[in-house]
Amino acid sequence: VIDHPELTWGTETSCSAQFTYAIARGINRGWLDRSYIPVVKKAFAGLETRITSTGSIDKVCMSTSIGDNLEYYNTRSFKDDDYHGNGLMLLALTEVYRLFQKEKN
């Protein structure tokens, strides 16, 4: 829940990967201004810390449906290497890679 920073559950990887993917793709496609690149770089730095030495993804929240209250979201459990996080991470990293390649040129 991005508009409630008071929640205590912390950073969750799959949602962070989704936002990173969307912003990087928006820049790559020209839908978003390049002024968002620092946001992508900061998000990428955080995502990198969630990839273990064996390639699994840490701190992926269990699949979430629509909750009735903030407590529902605040008590979501985490699972390391939950498979829905892997695909989202791959999408994000691919789009970030494309963005960084464009920056080099």
PDB file of N, CA and C in Angstrom:
ATOM      1  N   VAL A   1       0.877  -1.163   0.000  1.00  0.00           N
ATOM      2  CA  VAL A   1       0.000   0.000   0.000  1.00  0.00           C
ATOM      3  C   VAL A   1       0.919   1.219   0.000  1.00  0.00           C
ATOM      4  N   ILE A   2       1.102   1.790  -1.173  1.00  0.00           N
ATOM      5  CA  ILE A   2       2.132   2.822  -1.323  1.00  0.00           C
ATOM      6  C   ILE A   2       1.782   4.159  -0.690  1.00  0.00           C
ATOM      7  N   ASP A   3       0.525   4.382  -0.359  1.00  0.00           N
ATOM      8  CA  ASP A   3       0.162   5.669   0.236  1.00  0.00           C
ATOM      9  C   ASP A   3       0.035   5.599   1.757  1.00  0.00           C
ATOM     10  N   HIS A   4       0.585   4.532   2.361  1.00  0.00           N
ATOM     11  CA  HIS A   4       0.579   4.392   3.818  1.00  0.00           C
ATOM     12  C   HIS A   4       1.972   3.964   4.315  1.00  0.00           C
ATOM     13  N   PRO A   5       2.909   4.917   4.360  1.00  0.00           N
ATOM     14  CA  PRO A   5       4.269   4.577   4.784  1.00  0.00           C
ATOM     15  C   PRO A   5       4.365   4.147   6.248  1.00  0.00           C
ATOM     16  N   GLU A   6       3.299   4.344   7.014  1.00  0.00           N
ATOM     17  CA  GLU A   6       3.325   3.942   8.427  1.00  0.00           C
ATOM     18  C   GLU A   6       3.214   2.436   8.615  1.00  0.00           C
ATOM     19  N   LEU A   7       2.865   1.693   7.580  1.00  0.00           N
ATOM     20  CA  LEU A   7       2.768   0.239   7.715  1.00  0.00           C
ATOM     21  C   LEU A   7       4.141  -0.343   8.014  1.00  0.00           C
ATOM     22  N   THR A   8       4.181  -1.378   8.828  1.00  0.00           N
ATOM     23  CA  THR A   8       5.457  -1.876   9.360  1.00  0.00           C
ATOM     24  C   THR A   8       6.010  -3.105   8.653  1.00  0.00           C
ATOM     25  N   TRP A   9       5.326  -3.624   7.660  1.00  0.00           N
ATOM     26  CA  TRP A   9       5.780  -4.892   7.074  1.00  0.00           C
ATOM     27  C   TRP A   9       7.044  -4.766   6.244  1.00  0.00           C
ATOM     28  N   GLY A  10       7.424  -3.573   5.859  1.00  0.00           N
ATOM     29  CA  GLY A  10       8.689  -3.394   5.165  1.00  0.00           C
ATOM     30  C   GLY A  10       8.571  -3.514   3.663  1.00  0.00           C
ATOM     31  N   THR A  11       9.689  -3.587   3.022  1.00  0.00           N
ATOM     32  CA  THR A  11       9.733  -3.634   1.564  1.00  0.00           C
ATOM     33  C   THR A  11       9.486  -5.048   1.068  1.00  0.00           C
ATOM     34  N   GLU A  12       8.661  -5.155   0.067  1.00  0.00           N
ATOM     35  CA  GLU A  12       8.302  -6.434  -0.531  1.00  0.00           C
ATOM     36  C   GLU A  12       8.849  -6.461  -1.947  1.00  0.00           C
ATOM     37  N   THR A  13       9.443  -7.575  -2.340  1.00  0.00           N
ATOM     38  CA  THR A  13      10.199  -7.624  -3.575  1.00  0.00           C
ATOM     39  C   THR A  13       9.359  -7.641  -4.844  1.00  0.00           C
ATOM     40  N   SER A  14       8.320  -8.464  -4.912  1.00  0.00           N
ATOM     41  CA  SER A  14       7.616  -8.596  -6.190  1.00  0.00           C
ATOM     42  C   SER A  14       6.915  -7.302  -6.598  1.00  0.00           C
ATOM     43  N   CYS A  15       6.317  -6.611  -5.658  1.00  0.00           N
ATOM     44  CA  CYS A  15       5.671  -5.341  -5.981  1.00  0.00           C
ATOM     45  C   CYS A  15       6.720  -4.297  -6.362  1.00  0.00           C
ATOM     46  N   SER A  16       7.831  -4.290  -5.666  1.00  0.00           N
ATOM     47  CA  SER A  16       8.916  -3.373  -6.007  1.00  0.00           C
ATOM     48  C   SER A  16       9.416  -3.641  -7.422  1.00  0.00           C
ATOM     49  N   ALA A  17       9.509  -4.913  -7.787  1.00  0.00           N
ATOM     50  CA  ALA A  17       9.923  -5.274  -9.144  1.00  0.00           C
ATOM     51  C   ALA A  17       8.900  -4.805 -10.173  1.00  0.00           C
ATOM     52  N   GLN A  18       7.621  -4.912  -9.851  1.00  0.00           N
ATOM     53  CA  GLN A  18       6.577  -4.453 -10.778  1.00  0.00           C
ATOM     54  C   GLN A  18       6.681  -2.952 -11.025  1.00  0.00           C
ATOM     55  N   PHE A  19       6.853  -2.179  -9.969  1.00  0.00           N
ATOM     56  CA  PHE A  19       6.973  -0.736 -10.129  1.00  0.00           C
ATOM     57  C   PHE A  19       8.241  -0.384 -10.904  1.00  0.00           C
ATOM     58  N   THR A  20       9.338  -1.058 -10.610  1.00  0.00           N
ATOM     59  CA  THR A  20      10.597  -0.799 -11.311  1.00  0.00           C
ATOM     60  C   THR A  20      10.440  -1.094 -12.796  1.00  0.00           C
ATOM     61  N   TYR A  21       9.825  -2.220 -13.098  1.00  0.00           N
ATOM     62  CA  TYR A  21       9.571  -2.596 -14.492  1.00  0.00           C
ATOM     63  C   TYR A  21       8.735  -1.526 -15.191  1.00  0.00           C
ATOM     64  N   ALA A  22       7.645  -1.117 -14.569  1.00  0.00           N
ATOM     65  CA  ALA A  22       6.733  -0.155 -15.194  1.00  0.00           C
ATOM     66  C   ALA A  22       7.420   1.179 -15.467  1.00  0.00           C
ATOM     67  N   ILE A  23       8.197   1.662 -14.520  1.00  0.00           N
ATOM     68  CA  ILE A  23       8.869   2.947 -14.707  1.00  0.00           C
ATOM     69  C   ILE A  23       9.959   2.838 -15.770  1.00  0.00           C
ATOM     70  N   ALA A  24      10.776   1.789 -15.703  1.00  0.00           N
ATOM     71  CA  ALA A  24      11.839   1.611 -16.700  1.00  0.00           C
ATOM     72  C   ALA A  24      11.246   1.431 -18.098  1.00  0.00           C
ATOM     73  N   ARG A  25      10.194   0.656 -18.227  1.00  0.00           N
ATOM     74  CA  ARG A  25       9.544   0.449 -19.527  1.00  0.00           C
ATOM     75  C   ARG A  25       8.955   1.759 -20.042  1.00  0.00           C
ATOM     76  N   GLY A  26       8.360   2.535 -19.146  1.00  0.00           N
ATOM     77  CA  GLY A  26       7.820   3.823 -19.547  1.00  0.00           C
ATOM     78  C   GLY A  26       8.885   4.752 -20.102  1.00  0.00           C
ATOM     79  N   ILE A  27      10.054   4.746 -19.478  1.00  0.00           N
ATOM     80  CA  ILE A  27      11.171   5.560 -19.978  1.00  0.00           C
ATOM     81  C   ILE A  27      11.639   5.017 -21.321  1.00  0.00           C
ATOM     82  N   ASN A  28      11.817   3.707 -21.404  1.00  0.00           N
ATOM     83  CA  ASN A  28      12.304   3.085 -22.634  1.00  0.00           C
ATOM     84  C   ASN A  28      11.366   3.319 -23.818  1.00  0.00           C
ATOM     85  N   ARG A  29      10.084   3.355 -23.549  1.00  0.00           N
ATOM     86  CA  ARG A  29       9.099   3.546 -24.626  1.00  0.00           C
ATOM     87  C   ARG A  29       8.786   5.019 -24.892  1.00  0.00           C
ATOM     88  N   GLY A  30       9.363   5.918 -24.105  1.00  0.00           N
ATOM     89  CA  GLY A  30       9.124   7.337 -24.294  1.00  0.00           C
ATOM     90  C   GLY A  30       7.841   7.833 -23.645  1.00  0.00           C
ATOM     91  N   TRP A  31       7.223   7.014 -22.835  1.00  0.00           N
ATOM     92  CA  TRP A  31       5.989   7.409 -22.152  1.00  0.00           C
ATOM     93  C   TRP A  31       6.276   8.246 -20.911  1.00  0.00           C
ATOM     94  N   LEU A  32       7.440   8.034 -20.328  1.00  0.00           N
ATOM     95  CA  LEU A  32       7.862   8.788 -19.146  1.00  0.00           C
ATOM     96  C   LEU A  32       9.140   9.544 -19.465  1.00  0.00           C
ATOM     97  N   ASP A  33       9.278  10.683 -18.846  1.00  0.00           N
ATOM     98  CA  ASP A  33      10.454  11.514 -19.009  1.00  0.00           C
ATOM     99  C   ASP A  33      11.683  10.837 -18.404  1.00  0.00           C
ATOM    100  N   ARG A  34      12.839  11.118 -18.971  1.00  0.00           N
ATOM    101  CA  ARG A  34      14.096  10.531 -18.480  1.00  0.00           C
ATOM    102  C   ARG A  34      14.451  11.019 -17.076  1.00  0.00           C
ATOM    103  N   SER A  35      13.734  12.001 -16.570  1.00  0.00           N
ATOM    104  CA  SER A  35      13.999  12.481 -15.207  1.00  0.00           C
ATOM    105  C   SER A  35      13.683  11.403 -14.168  1.00  0.00           C
ATOM    106  N   TYR A  36      13.004  10.332 -14.570  1.00  0.00           N
ATOM    107  CA  TYR A  36      12.695   9.217 -13.666  1.00  0.00           C
ATOM    108  C   TYR A  36      13.838   8.201 -13.560  1.00  0.00           C
ATOM    109  N   ILE A  37      14.894   8.383 -14.317  1.00  0.00           N
ATOM    110  CA  ILE A  37      16.012   7.428 -14.279  1.00  0.00           C
ATOM    111  C   ILE A  37      16.587   7.270 -12.874  1.00  0.00           C
ATOM    112  N   PRO A  38      16.782   8.338 -12.083  1.00  0.00           N
ATOM    113  CA  PRO A  38      17.288   8.139 -10.715  1.00  0.00           C
ATOM    114  C   PRO A  38      16.381   7.234  -9.868  1.00  0.00           C
ATOM    115  N   VAL A  39      15.082   7.299 -10.094  1.00  0.00           N
ATOM    116  CA  VAL A  39      14.146   6.433  -9.371  1.00  0.00           C
ATOM    117  C   VAL A  39      14.416   4.976  -9.731  1.00  0.00           C
ATOM    118  N   VAL A  40      14.617   4.711 -11.019  1.00  0.00           N
ATOM    119  CA  VAL A  40      14.903   3.344 -11.466  1.00  0.00           C
ATOM    120  C   VAL A  40      16.222   2.859 -10.885  1.00  0.00           C
ATOM    121  N   LYS A  41      17.226   3.712 -10.876  1.00  0.00           N
ATOM    122  CA  LYS A  41      18.528   3.323 -10.329  1.00  0.00           C
ATOM    123  C   LYS A  41      18.428   2.982  -8.845  1.00  0.00           C
ATOM    124  N   LYS A  42      17.673   3.770  -8.105  1.00  0.00           N
ATOM    125  CA  LYS A  42      17.499   3.506  -6.673  1.00  0.00           C
ATOM    126  C   LYS A  42      16.740   2.197  -6.467  1.00  0.00           C
ATOM    127  N   ALA A  43      15.694   1.993  -7.243  1.00  0.00           N
ATOM    128  CA  ALA A  43      14.916   0.754  -7.131  1.00  0.00           C
ATOM    129  C   ALA A  43      15.768  -0.453  -7.514  1.00  0.00           C
ATOM    130  N   PHE A  44      16.551  -0.323  -8.568  1.00  0.00           N
ATOM    131  CA  PHE A  44      17.419  -1.415  -9.007  1.00  0.00           C
ATOM    132  C   PHE A  44      18.425  -1.784  -7.915  1.00  0.00           C
ATOM    133  N   ALA A  45      18.983  -0.793  -7.264  1.00  0.00           N
ATOM    134  CA  ALA A  45      19.937  -1.049  -6.177  1.00  0.00           C
ATOM    135  C   ALA A  45      19.270  -1.860  -5.067  1.00  0.00           C
ATOM    136  N   GLY A  46      18.021  -1.545  -4.758  1.00  0.00           N
ATOM    137  CA  GLY A  46      17.299  -2.307  -3.750  1.00  0.00           C
ATOM    138  C   GLY A  46      16.982  -3.720  -4.209  1.00  0.00           C
ATOM    139  N   LEU A  47      16.559  -3.861  -5.462  1.00  0.00           N
ATOM    140  CA  LEU A  47      16.231  -5.192  -5.984  1.00  0.00           C
ATOM    141  C   LEU A  47      17.458  -6.103  -6.003  1.00  0.00           C
ATOM    142  N   GLU A  48      18.602  -5.534  -6.329  1.00  0.00           N
ATOM    143  CA  GLU A  48      19.840  -6.330  -6.358  1.00  0.00           C
ATOM    144  C   GLU A  48      20.114  -7.018  -5.029  1.00  0.00           C
ATOM    145  N   THR A  49      19.759  -6.360  -3.934  1.00  0.00           N
ATOM    146  CA  THR A  49      20.027  -6.926  -2.611  1.00  0.00           C
ATOM    147  C   THR A  49      19.139  -8.129  -2.311  1.00  0.00           C
ATOM    148  N   ARG A  50      18.087  -8.330  -3.085  1.00  0.00           N
ATOM    149  CA  ARG A  50      17.148  -9.432  -2.860  1.00  0.00           C
ATOM    150  C   ARG A  50      17.507 -10.688  -3.628  1.00  0.00           C
ATOM    151  N   ILE A  51      18.523 -10.620  -4.479  1.00  0.00           N
ATOM    152  CA  ILE A  51      18.966 -11.796  -5.235  1.00  0.00           C
ATOM    153  C   ILE A  51      20.062 -12.476  -4.431  1.00  0.00           C
ATOM    154  N   THR A  52      19.825 -13.736  -4.065  1.00  0.00           N
ATOM    155  CA  THR A  52      20.800 -14.460  -3.248  1.00  0.00           C
ATOM    156  C   THR A  52      21.942 -14.989  -4.105  1.00  0.00           C
ATOM    157  N   SER A  53      22.969 -15.494  -3.473  1.00  0.00           N
ATOM    158  CA  SER A  53      24.117 -16.048  -4.188  1.00  0.00           C
ATOM    159  C   SER A  53      23.746 -17.271  -5.022  1.00  0.00           C
ATOM    160  N   THR A  54      22.619 -17.912  -4.691  1.00  0.00           N
ATOM    161  CA  THR A  54      22.160 -19.068  -5.484  1.00  0.00           C
ATOM    162  C   THR A  54      21.134 -18.665  -6.554  1.00  0.00           C
ATOM    163  N   GLY A  55      20.811 -17.363  -6.625  1.00  0.00           N
ATOM    164  CA  GLY A  55      19.898 -16.877  -7.646  1.00  0.00           C
ATOM    165  C   GLY A  55      18.438 -16.840  -7.242  1.00  0.00           C
ATOM    166  N   SER A  56      18.132 -17.186  -6.003  1.00  0.00           N
ATOM    167  CA  SER A  56      16.740 -17.102  -5.569  1.00  0.00           C
ATOM    168  C   SER A  56      16.430 -15.662  -5.159  1.00  0.00           C
ATOM    169  N   ILE A  57      15.141 -15.382  -4.986  1.00  0.00           N
ATOM    170  CA  ILE A  57      14.685 -14.037  -4.666  1.00  0.00           C
ATOM    171  C   ILE A  57      14.110 -14.023  -3.259  1.00  0.00           C
ATOM    172  N   ASP A  58      14.616 -13.145  -2.415  1.00  0.00           N
ATOM    173  CA  ASP A  58      14.163 -13.040  -1.029  1.00  0.00           C
ATOM    174  C   ASP A  58      13.032 -12.031  -0.860  1.00  0.00           C
ATOM    175  N   LYS A  59      12.269 -12.222   0.218  1.00  0.00           N
ATOM    176  CA  LYS A  59      11.222 -11.306   0.689  1.00  0.00           C
ATOM    177  C   LYS A  59      10.128 -11.066  -0.341  1.00  0.00           C
ATOM    178  N   VAL A  60       9.592 -12.144  -0.878  1.00  0.00           N
ATOM    179  CA  VAL A  60       8.454 -12.045  -1.782  1.00  0.00           C
ATOM    180  C   VAL A  60       7.202 -12.288  -0.951  1.00  0.00           C
ATOM    181  N   CYS A  61       6.288 -11.339  -0.999  1.00  0.00           N
ATOM    182  CA  CYS A  61       5.044 -11.473  -0.253  1.00  0.00           C
ATOM    183  C   CYS A  61       4.178 -12.543  -0.916  1.00  0.00           C
ATOM    184  N   MET A  62       3.525 -13.309  -0.096  1.00  0.00           N
ATOM    185  CA  MET A  62       2.594 -14.299  -0.627  1.00  0.00           C
ATOM    186  C   MET A  62       1.553 -13.573  -1.467  1.00  0.00           C
ATOM    187  N   SER A  63       1.025 -14.227  -2.454  1.00  0.00           N
ATOM    188  CA  SER A  63       0.058 -13.621  -3.360  1.00  0.00           C
ATOM    189  C   SER A  63      -1.045 -12.911  -2.568  1.00  0.00           C
ATOM    190  N   THR A  64      -1.375 -11.709  -2.976  1.00  0.00           N
ATOM    191  CA  THR A  64      -2.292 -10.865  -2.217  1.00  0.00           C
ATOM    192  C   THR A  64      -3.548 -10.563  -3.025  1.00  0.00           C
ATOM    193  N   SER A  65      -4.681 -10.779  -2.419  1.00  0.00           N
ATOM    194  CA  SER A  65      -5.933 -10.358  -3.042  1.00  0.00           C
ATOM    195  C   SER A  65      -6.332  -9.009  -2.450  1.00  0.00           C
ATOM    196  N   ILE A  66      -7.545  -8.594  -2.654  1.00  0.00           N
ATOM    197  CA  ILE A  66      -8.005  -7.314  -2.127  1.00  0.00           C
ATOM    198  C   ILE A  66      -8.430  -7.483  -0.673  1.00  0.00           C
ATOM    199  N   GLY A  67      -7.819  -6.706   0.211  1.00  0.00           N
ATOM    200  CA  GLY A  67      -8.140  -6.777   1.635  1.00  0.00           C
ATOM    201  C   GLY A  67      -9.176  -5.745   2.050  1.00  0.00           C
ATOM    202  N   ASP A  68      -9.792  -5.993   3.181  1.00  0.00           N
ATOM    203  CA  ASP A  68     -10.822  -5.083   3.697  1.00  0.00           C
ATOM    204  C   ASP A  68     -10.256  -3.923   4.507  1.00  0.00           C
ATOM    205  N   ASN A  69      -8.983  -4.060   4.955  1.00  0.00           N
ATOM    206  CA  ASN A  69      -8.416  -3.029   5.813  1.00  0.00           C
ATOM    207  C   ASN A  69      -6.899  -3.044   5.714  1.00  0.00           C
ATOM    208  N   LEU A  70      -6.260  -2.045   6.288  1.00  0.00           N
ATOM    209  CA  LEU A  70      -4.801  -1.945   6.217  1.00  0.00           C
ATOM    210  C   LEU A  70      -4.108  -3.083   6.959  1.00  0.00           C
ATOM    211  N   GLU A  71      -4.729  -3.580   8.009  1.00  0.00           N
ATOM    212  CA  GLU A  71      -4.118  -4.670   8.773  1.00  0.00           C
ATOM    213  C   GLU A  71      -3.910  -5.904   7.894  1.00  0.00           C
ATOM    214  N   TYR A  72      -4.824  -6.150   6.979  1.00  0.00           N
ATOM    215  CA  TYR A  72      -4.675  -7.283   6.047  1.00  0.00           C
ATOM    216  C   TYR A  72      -3.345  -7.186   5.309  1.00  0.00           C
ATOM    217  N   TYR A  73      -3.018  -5.993   4.811  1.00  0.00           N
ATOM    218  CA  TYR A  73      -1.782  -5.802   4.060  1.00  0.00           C
ATOM    219  C   TYR A  73      -0.563  -5.770   4.984  1.00  0.00           C
ATOM    220  N   ASN A  74      -0.743  -5.268   6.181  1.00  0.00           N
ATOM    221  CA  ASN A  74       0.358  -5.134   7.119  1.00  0.00           C
ATOM    222  C   ASN A  74       0.810  -6.482   7.682  1.00  0.00           C
ATOM    223  N   THR A  75      -0.020  -7.488   7.589  1.00  0.00           N
ATOM    224  CA  THR A  75       0.326  -8.805   8.157  1.00  0.00           C
ATOM    225  C   THR A  75       0.580  -9.857   7.083  1.00  0.00           C
ATOM    226  N   ARG A  76       0.808  -9.432   5.845  1.00  0.00           N
ATOM    227  CA  ARG A  76       1.109 -10.392   4.778  1.00  0.00           C
ATOM    228  C   ARG A  76       2.414 -11.100   5.104  1.00  0.00           C
ATOM    229  N   SER A  77       2.439 -12.393   4.889  1.00  0.00           N
ATOM    230  CA  SER A  77       3.669 -13.142   5.171  1.00  0.00           C
ATOM    231  C   SER A  77       4.593 -13.121   3.957  1.00  0.00           C
ATOM    232  N   PHE A  78       5.873 -13.265   4.233  1.00  0.00           N
ATOM    233  CA  PHE A  78       6.892 -13.315   3.196  1.00  0.00           C
ATOM    234  C   PHE A  78       7.327 -14.751   2.974  1.00  0.00           C
ATOM    235  N   LYS A  79       7.805 -15.002   1.807  1.00  0.00           N
ATOM    236  CA  LYS A  79       8.388 -16.296   1.487  1.00  0.00           C
ATOM    237  C   LYS A  79       9.604 -16.018   0.619  1.00  0.00           C
ATOM    238  N   ASP A  80      10.705 -16.619   0.955  1.00  0.00           N
ATOM    239  CA  ASP A  80      11.870 -16.487   0.095  1.00  0.00           C
ATOM    240  C   ASP A  80      11.703 -17.433  -1.083  1.00  0.00           C
ATOM    241  N   ASP A  81      12.011 -16.930  -2.261  1.00  0.00           N
ATOM    242  CA  ASP A  81      11.974 -17.681  -3.509  1.00  0.00           C
ATOM    243  C   ASP A  81      10.566 -18.155  -3.887  1.00  0.00           C
ATOM    244  N   ASP A  82       9.551 -17.340  -3.605  1.00  0.00           N
ATOM    245  CA  ASP A  82       8.212 -17.635  -4.106  1.00  0.00           C
ATOM    246  C   ASP A  82       8.217 -17.360  -5.606  1.00  0.00           C
ATOM    247  N   TYR A  83       7.715 -18.273  -6.383  1.00  0.00           N
ATOM    248  CA  TYR A  83       7.920 -18.229  -7.829  1.00  0.00           C
ATOM    249  C   TYR A  83       7.312 -17.015  -8.525  1.00  0.00           C
ATOM    250  N   HIS A  84       6.260 -16.440  -8.014  1.00  0.00           N
ATOM    251  CA  HIS A  84       5.719 -15.265  -8.712  1.00  0.00           C
ATOM    252  C   HIS A  84       6.682 -14.084  -8.612  1.00  0.00           C
ATOM    253  N   GLY A  85       7.542 -14.080  -7.636  1.00  0.00           N
ATOM    254  CA  GLY A  85       8.547 -13.029  -7.532  1.00  0.00           C
ATOM    255  C   GLY A  85       9.641 -13.166  -8.569  1.00  0.00           C
ATOM    256  N   ASN A  86       9.954 -14.394  -8.963  1.00  0.00           N
ATOM    257  CA  ASN A  86      11.022 -14.621  -9.940  1.00  0.00           C
ATOM    258  C   ASN A  86      10.688 -13.998 -11.290  1.00  0.00           C
ATOM    259  N   GLY A  87       9.482 -14.236 -11.763  1.00  0.00           N
ATOM    260  CA  GLY A  87       9.092 -13.695 -13.061  1.00  0.00           C
ATOM    261  C   GLY A  87       9.064 -12.179 -13.066  1.00  0.00           C
ATOM    262  N   LEU A  88       8.552 -11.601 -11.990  1.00  0.00           N
ATOM    263  CA  LEU A  88       8.503 -10.142 -11.901  1.00  0.00           C
ATOM    264  C   LEU A  88       9.909  -9.550 -11.837  1.00  0.00           C
ATOM    265  N   MET A  89      10.793 -10.226 -11.136  1.00  0.00           N
ATOM    266  CA  MET A  89      12.172  -9.761 -11.061  1.00  0.00           C
ATOM    267  C   MET A  89      12.825  -9.827 -12.443  1.00  0.00           C
ATOM    268  N   LEU A  90      12.585 -10.894 -13.183  1.00  0.00           N
ATOM    269  CA  LEU A  90      13.159 -11.009 -14.527  1.00  0.00           C
ATOM    270  C   LEU A  90      12.650  -9.905 -15.450  1.00  0.00           C
ATOM    271  N   LEU A  91      11.359  -9.609 -15.386  1.00  0.00           N
ATOM    272  CA  LEU A  91      10.820  -8.513 -16.197  1.00  0.00           C
ATOM    273  C   LEU A  91      11.499  -7.189 -15.843  1.00  0.00           C
ATOM    274  N   ALA A  92      11.607  -6.911 -14.555  1.00  0.00           N
ATOM    275  CA  ALA A  92      12.218  -5.656 -14.113  1.00  0.00           C
ATOM    276  C   ALA A  92      13.675  -5.564 -14.546  1.00  0.00           C
ATOM    277  N   LEU A  93      14.431  -6.618 -14.312  1.00  0.00           N
ATOM    278  CA  LEU A  93      15.852  -6.580 -14.634  1.00  0.00           C
ATOM    279  C   LEU A  93      16.097  -6.456 -16.133  1.00  0.00           C
ATOM    280  N   THR A  94      15.245  -7.081 -16.937  1.00  0.00           N
ATOM    281  CA  THR A  94      15.375  -6.971 -18.390  1.00  0.00           C
ATOM    282  C   THR A  94      15.137  -5.542 -18.854  1.00  0.00           C
ATOM    283  N   GLU A  95      14.101  -4.921 -18.336  1.00  0.00           N
ATOM    284  CA  GLU A  95      13.788  -3.545 -18.742  1.00  0.00           C
ATOM    285  C   GLU A  95      14.827  -2.566 -18.228  1.00  0.00           C
ATOM    286  N   VAL A  96      15.333  -2.780 -17.023  1.00  0.00           N
ATOM    287  CA  VAL A  96      16.389  -1.923 -16.476  1.00  0.00           C
ATOM    288  C   VAL A  96      17.664  -2.085 -17.300  1.00  0.00           C
ATOM    289  N   TYR A  97      17.984  -3.309 -17.693  1.00  0.00           N
ATOM    290  CA  TYR A  97      19.162  -3.558 -18.535  1.00  0.00           C
ATOM    291  C   TYR A  97      19.060  -2.755 -19.837  1.00  0.00           C
ATOM    292  N   ARG A  98      17.903  -2.804 -20.472  1.00  0.00           N
ATOM    293  CA  ARG A  98      17.694  -2.036 -21.716  1.00  0.00           C
ATOM    294  C   ARG A  98      17.896  -0.536 -21.477  1.00  0.00           C
ATOM    295  N   LEU A  99      17.378  -0.056 -20.356  1.00  0.00           N
ATOM    296  CA  LEU A  99      17.534   1.354 -20.027  1.00  0.00           C
ATOM    297  C   LEU A  99      19.000   1.726 -19.836  1.00  0.00           C
ATOM    298  N   PHE A 100      19.723   0.904 -19.084  1.00  0.00           N
ATOM    299  CA  PHE A 100      21.137   1.187 -18.827  1.00  0.00           C
ATOM    300  C   PHE A 100      21.960   1.099 -20.121  1.00  0.00           C
ATOM    301  N   GLN A 101      21.593   0.204 -21.022  1.00  0.00           N
ATOM    302  CA  GLN A 101      22.293   0.112 -22.309  1.00  0.00           C
ATOM    303  C   GLN A 101      22.092   1.383 -23.130  1.00  0.00           C
ATOM    304  N   LYS A 102      20.879   1.919 -23.109  1.00  0.00           N
ATOM    305  CA  LYS A 102      20.605   3.170 -23.823  1.00  0.00           C
ATOM    306  C   LYS A 102      21.389   4.325 -23.221  1.00  0.00           C
ATOM    307  N   GLU A 103      21.562   4.305 -21.894  1.00  0.00           N
ATOM    308  CA  GLU A 103      22.307   5.374 -21.227  1.00  0.00           C
ATOM    309  C   GLU A 103      23.773   5.375 -21.636  1.00  0.00           C
ATOM    310  N   LYS A 104      24.320   4.196 -21.906  1.00  0.00           N
ATOM    311  CA  LYS A 104      25.738   4.092 -22.282  1.00  0.00           C
ATOM    312  C   LYS A 104      25.992   4.694 -23.670  1.00  0.00           C
ATOM    313  N   ASN A 105      24.989   4.627 -24.518  1.00  0.00           N
ATOM    314  CA  ASN A 105      25.169   5.086 -25.913  1.00  0.00           C
ATOM    315  C   ASN A 105      24.918   6.555 -26.094  1.00  0.00           C
TER     316      ASN A 105
END
